[in-house]
Protein backbone atom coordinates (compact mmCIF):
# COMPACT_ATOMS: atom_id res chain seq x y z
CA MET A 1 -11.48 17.59 -6.09
CA ASN A 2 -9.78 14.19 -5.90
CA ILE A 3 -6.02 14.70 -6.33
CA GLY A 4 -3.31 12.08 -6.54
CA ILE A 5 0.22 12.77 -5.35
CA TYR A 6 3.02 11.00 -7.18
CA GLY A 7 6.24 11.94 -5.41
CA GLY A 8 9.79 11.38 -6.49
CA THR A 9 13.14 12.88 -7.28
CA PHE A 10 12.56 12.17 -10.99
CA ASN A 11 16.31 11.80 -11.27
CA PRO A 12 15.92 11.96 -14.28
CA ILE A 13 12.30 11.90 -15.40
CA HIS A 14 11.63 9.34 -18.15
CA PHE A 15 8.81 7.84 -20.21
CA GLY A 16 8.02 5.33 -17.45
CA HIS A 17 7.18 8.13 -15.00
CA VAL A 18 5.09 9.92 -17.62
CA GLY A 19 3.37 6.75 -18.82
CA MET A 20 2.56 5.73 -15.25
CA ALA A 21 1.09 9.15 -14.51
CA LEU A 22 -0.99 9.26 -17.70
CA TRP A 23 -2.34 5.72 -17.27
CA THR A 24 -3.25 6.31 -13.62
CA LEU A 25 -5.00 9.60 -14.35
CA THR A 26 -7.03 8.15 -17.23
CA HIS A 27 -7.95 4.85 -15.48
CA THR A 28 -8.84 5.99 -11.96
CA PRO A 29 -11.37 8.47 -10.52
CA LEU A 30 -8.63 11.08 -9.92
CA ASP A 31 -9.40 14.59 -11.20
CA GLU A 32 -5.75 15.65 -11.08
CA LEU A 33 -2.40 14.00 -10.55
CA TRP A 34 0.51 16.06 -9.23
CA LEU A 35 4.05 14.93 -9.84
CA MET A 36 5.58 16.12 -6.59
CA VAL A 37 9.24 16.76 -7.36
CA THR A 38 11.14 16.30 -4.11
CA PRO A 39 14.47 17.93 -3.28
CA GLY A 40 15.71 14.53 -2.08
CA ASN A 41 14.48 11.15 -0.89
CA PRO A 42 15.27 10.50 2.81
CA LEU A 43 15.33 6.74 2.13
CA LYS A 44 18.09 7.25 -0.42
CA ASP A 45 20.64 9.14 1.64
CA GLY A 46 23.74 9.78 -0.37
CA GLN A 47 21.90 9.39 -3.67
CA THR A 48 23.70 11.21 -6.44
CA LEU A 49 21.30 13.52 -8.18
CA ALA A 50 21.90 13.80 -11.93
CA GLN A 51 20.50 17.35 -11.85
CA ASN A 52 19.83 19.93 -9.16
CA GLU A 53 16.24 20.37 -7.98
CA GLN A 54 15.45 23.28 -10.32
CA GLU A 55 16.74 21.36 -13.35
CA ARG A 56 14.72 18.27 -12.35
CA LEU A 57 11.63 20.44 -11.86
CA ALA A 58 12.09 22.09 -15.28
CA ALA A 59 12.64 18.71 -16.97
CA ALA A 60 9.50 17.30 -15.32
CA ARG A 61 7.45 20.32 -16.39
CA GLN A 62 8.70 20.01 -19.96
CA ALA A 63 7.92 16.27 -20.09
CA ILE A 64 4.44 16.70 -18.61
CA THR A 65 3.59 19.67 -20.84
CA GLN A 66 4.49 17.63 -23.90
CA ALA A 67 2.58 14.56 -22.65
CA THR A 68 -0.59 16.48 -21.82
CA GLU A 69 -0.56 18.15 -25.24
CA GLU A 70 -0.15 14.77 -26.96
CA HIS A 71 -2.85 13.08 -24.83
CA ARG A 72 -5.38 15.89 -24.45
CA GLU A 73 -8.26 13.78 -25.82
CA GLU A 74 -7.53 10.85 -23.48
CA LEU A 75 -7.33 13.11 -20.43
CA LYS A 76 -10.89 14.42 -20.97
CA GLY A 77 -10.38 17.49 -18.83
CA LYS A 78 -8.33 15.77 -16.13
CA ARG A 79 -5.10 17.57 -15.26
CA LEU A 80 -1.57 16.33 -14.92
CA LEU A 81 0.63 18.86 -13.12
CA VAL A 82 4.16 19.18 -11.78
CA SER A 83 4.54 20.67 -8.29
CA ASP A 84 7.44 22.19 -6.36
CA PHE A 85 5.35 22.21 -3.14
CA GLU A 86 8.02 20.26 -1.23
CA PHE A 87 10.71 22.81 -2.13
CA ASN A 88 9.14 25.12 0.47
CA LEU A 89 8.92 22.54 3.27
CA PRO A 90 11.57 21.63 5.86
CA ARG A 91 14.12 19.13 4.66
CA PRO A 92 14.45 16.25 4.43
CA SER A 93 11.06 15.88 2.76
CA TYR A 94 8.88 13.24 4.34
CA THR A 95 5.62 12.21 2.69
CA ALA A 96 3.66 12.52 5.94
CA GLN A 97 4.82 16.12 6.38
CA THR A 98 3.92 16.89 2.75
CA LEU A 99 0.43 15.39 3.11
CA ARG A 100 -0.22 17.38 6.30
CA ALA A 101 0.91 20.58 4.59
CA LEU A 102 -1.30 19.84 1.55
CA GLN A 103 -4.33 19.23 3.81
CA LYS A 104 -3.70 22.54 5.55
CA ALA A 105 -3.12 24.51 2.34
CA TYR A 106 -5.97 22.87 0.37
CA PRO A 107 -8.56 21.52 2.83
CA GLN A 108 -11.22 21.40 0.11
CA HIS A 109 -9.42 18.55 -1.75
CA GLN A 110 -9.26 14.81 -1.17
CA TRP A 111 -5.71 13.43 -1.41
CA GLN A 112 -4.50 10.03 -2.58
CA LEU A 113 -0.99 8.70 -2.82
CA LEU A 114 0.38 6.97 -5.93
CA ILE A 115 3.42 4.80 -5.29
CA GLY A 116 5.32 2.18 -7.23
CA GLU A 117 5.14 -1.43 -6.11
CA ASP A 118 8.78 -1.23 -5.00
CA ASN A 119 7.78 1.48 -2.49
CA LEU A 120 4.96 -0.67 -1.13
CA LEU A 121 7.51 -3.39 -0.39
CA CYS A 122 9.45 -1.00 1.86
CA PHE A 123 6.52 1.10 3.11
CA LYS A 124 7.21 0.34 6.78
CA ARG A 125 10.50 2.24 6.42
CA TRP A 126 8.59 5.45 5.66
CA ARG A 127 8.32 7.96 8.50
CA GLU A 128 4.79 7.79 10.00
CA TRP A 129 3.76 5.06 7.58
CA GLN A 130 0.81 4.02 9.79
CA TRP A 131 -0.62 7.55 9.78
CA ILE A 132 -0.31 7.75 5.98
CA ALA A 133 -1.86 4.30 5.49
CA LYS A 134 -4.82 5.02 7.78
CA ASN A 135 -5.58 8.50 6.43
CA PHE A 136 -5.01 8.35 2.67
CA PRO A 137 -6.03 5.96 -0.07
CA VAL A 138 -2.92 4.47 -1.68
CA LEU A 139 -2.74 3.50 -5.35
CA VAL A 140 0.03 1.02 -6.17
CA TYR A 141 1.50 0.92 -9.65
CA PRO A 142 3.17 -2.37 -10.69
CA ARG A 143 6.93 -2.18 -11.27
CA GLU A 144 9.08 -4.54 -13.33
CA GLY A 145 11.13 -6.74 -11.03
CA ALA A 146 9.48 -5.50 -7.83
CA GLU A 147 8.30 -9.02 -7.00
CA ASP A 148 11.97 -10.08 -6.95
CA ARG A 149 12.83 -7.49 -4.29
CA ASN A 150 11.09 -8.81 -1.20
CA ILE A 151 12.35 -6.22 1.24
CA GLY A 152 10.05 -7.50 3.97
CA CYS A 153 8.70 -4.11 5.01
CA MET A 154 5.30 -4.34 3.37
CA PRO A 155 2.32 -3.71 5.66
CA ALA A 156 -0.77 -5.89 5.52
CA ALA A 157 -3.64 -4.73 3.31
CA ASP A 158 -5.85 -4.10 6.36
CA ASP A 159 -3.28 -1.58 7.65
CA PHE A 160 -4.54 0.79 4.94
CA LYS A 161 -7.61 3.00 4.72
CA GLN A 162 -7.79 1.89 1.08
CA LEU A 163 -5.14 0.05 -0.93
CA THR A 164 -5.68 -0.31 -4.66
CA PHE A 165 -3.25 -2.30 -6.75
CA LEU A 166 -3.44 -1.13 -10.37
CA ALA A 167 -2.98 -4.66 -11.73
CA ASP A 168 -4.07 -3.85 -15.30
CA ALA A 169 -1.57 -1.03 -15.70
CA PRO A 170 1.17 -1.43 -18.29
CA ARG A 171 4.66 -2.00 -16.93
CA PHE A 172 7.56 0.09 -18.12
CA ASP A 173 10.96 -1.58 -18.23
CA ILE A 174 12.99 1.50 -17.35
CA SER A 175 14.34 3.15 -14.23
CA SER A 176 16.12 6.37 -13.37
CA THR A 177 18.85 4.32 -11.71
CA ARG A 178 19.50 2.42 -14.94
CA LEU A 179 19.52 5.65 -16.96
CA ARG A 180 22.07 7.23 -14.58
CA GLU A 181 24.27 4.11 -14.70
CA GLU A 182 24.16 4.03 -18.51
CA LYS A 183 25.06 7.72 -18.69
CA GLN A 184 27.94 7.21 -16.24
CA ARG A 185 29.27 4.27 -18.31
CA LYS A 186 28.99 6.31 -21.48
CA ASP A 187 30.72 9.32 -19.87
CA SER A 188 33.50 7.08 -18.49
CA PHE A 189 33.99 5.43 -21.87
CA SER A 190 34.18 8.75 -23.71
CA LEU A 191 36.86 10.03 -21.29
CA ALA A 192 39.18 7.07 -21.90
């Protein structure tokens, strides 16, 4: 089976995450796409999590259950799942360690990585990025404003086993960061 891994804190999960997952699953040869809820992102040390890991996992499961029910016909038997696989791995959670553990636990599957364009721009900051790039196909989902954030850590296309930019994918003008900031402003305003 060909399985895509879409990792993140989903802090909080929103329609952009769900829309990205649904579009990717229905427009690529993936059989399944797993939203890999991570306990924390090592590249975002000190990130304030809006919810603890169990609450984020439950919210992701609720959002994906609702989305798969609403889009059952479009999915045509493909499966969109939420996974807590990283909750049982050493922390911090690194993608390379997760991919190795997935290969060991499920050697019968082929694994691909789905990342946002903003993550491609900083891919060289990932632990063992060369090993990931050479061993796993990477699908890149376009992100609003990513082209304005030239972080300078993007590998060359020939560094990858297979790099597929999902250029036709719809862009979602939303981010978890913006949602957290809006909630914080609202909470601050209501306390005054």
